[in-house]
Amino acid sequence: MMPMFGYGFGSGWLWMAAHMLFWVFLIVGIVLLVNKITTKEDKSSAFRILDEKLASGEITEAEYKHKRKILKGS
């Protein structure tokens, strides 16, 4: 009598490993996507604040360019 799982091919563990990897990649992908979205919003708000400070005269154009370069690098 042959075992029911794997139907004699012995590949039941392979499907289980593939299923586990699928969920791991899915969860990691969701985490990375959320991280990218929230980081992008943080940078855009930093640029917006920097633009407002330049417009109100709180910082000079040289300071603006310097800080914008720093933000782009991070």
Protein backbone atom coordinates (compact mmCIF):
# COMPACT_ATOMS: atom_id res chain seq x y z
CA MET A 1 0.00 0.00 0.00
CA MET A 2 1.36 3.45 -0.95
CA PRO A 3 1.11 6.51 1.30
CA MET A 4 -1.64 8.99 0.35
CA PHE A 5 0.36 12.20 0.55
CA GLY A 6 2.85 12.81 -2.26
CA TYR A 7 1.26 9.91 -4.18
CA GLY A 8 4.51 8.00 -4.02
CA PHE A 9 6.64 10.73 -5.59
CA GLY A 10 8.01 12.05 -2.29
CA SER A 11 7.46 15.67 -3.30
CA GLY A 12 5.01 16.66 -0.57
CA TRP A 13 7.76 18.50 1.32
CA LEU A 14 8.62 20.44 -1.85
CA TRP A 15 5.10 21.84 -2.17
CA MET A 16 5.06 22.70 1.53
CA ALA A 17 8.39 24.57 1.21
CA ALA A 18 7.16 26.40 -1.90
CA HIS A 19 3.98 27.43 -0.08
CA MET A 20 5.98 28.71 2.90
CA LEU A 21 8.33 30.66 0.61
CA PHE A 22 5.35 32.22 -1.17
CA TRP A 23 4.00 33.57 2.13
CA VAL A 24 7.42 34.78 3.27
CA PHE A 25 7.96 36.68 0.00
CA LEU A 26 4.44 38.08 0.11
CA ILE A 27 4.84 39.39 3.66
CA VAL A 28 8.31 40.82 2.97
CA GLY A 29 7.00 42.48 -0.19
CA ILE A 30 4.12 44.10 1.67
CA VAL A 31 6.45 45.37 4.39
CA LEU A 32 8.86 46.84 1.81
CA LEU A 33 6.00 48.46 -0.09
CA VAL A 34 4.59 50.08 3.04
CA ASN A 35 8.06 51.26 4.01
CA LYS A 36 8.63 52.81 0.58
CA ILE A 37 5.26 54.57 0.60
CA THR A 38 5.71 56.03 4.08
CA THR A 39 9.31 57.08 3.39
CA LYS A 40 8.25 58.84 0.20
CA GLU A 41 5.61 60.81 2.10
CA ASP A 42 8.15 61.82 4.72
CA LYS A 43 10.54 63.14 2.08
CA SER A 44 7.84 65.00 0.19
CA SER A 45 6.68 66.69 3.39
CA ALA A 46 10.29 67.66 4.17
CA PHE A 47 10.62 69.23 0.73
CA ARG A 48 7.31 71.02 1.20
CA ILE A 49 8.43 72.47 4.54
CA LEU A 50 11.73 73.52 2.99
CA ASP A 51 9.86 75.25 0.13
CA GLU A 52 7.66 77.08 2.64
CA LYS A 53 10.68 78.28 4.63
CA LEU A 54 12.27 79.68 1.47
CA ALA A 55 9.03 81.37 0.44
CA SER A 56 8.58 82.99 3.86
CA GLY A 57 12.19 84.17 3.93
CA GLU A 58 13.29 82.06 6.90
CA ILE A 59 16.23 80.66 4.90
CA THR A 60 18.35 81.98 2.05
CA GLU A 61 18.50 80.46 -1.40
CA ALA A 62 21.99 79.06 -0.67
CA GLU A 63 20.69 77.36 2.49
CA TYR A 64 17.72 76.06 0.53
CA LYS A 65 19.92 74.50 -2.15
CA HIS A 66 22.25 73.00 0.45
CA LYS A 67 19.42 71.45 2.50
CA ARG A 68 17.64 70.19 -0.62
CA LYS A 69 20.86 68.47 -1.74
CA ILE A 70 21.13 66.82 1.69
CA LEU A 71 17.53 65.61 1.53
CA LYS A 72 17.99 64.15 -1.95
CA GLY A 73 21.03 62.24 -0.75
CA SER A 74 19.26 60.58 2.16
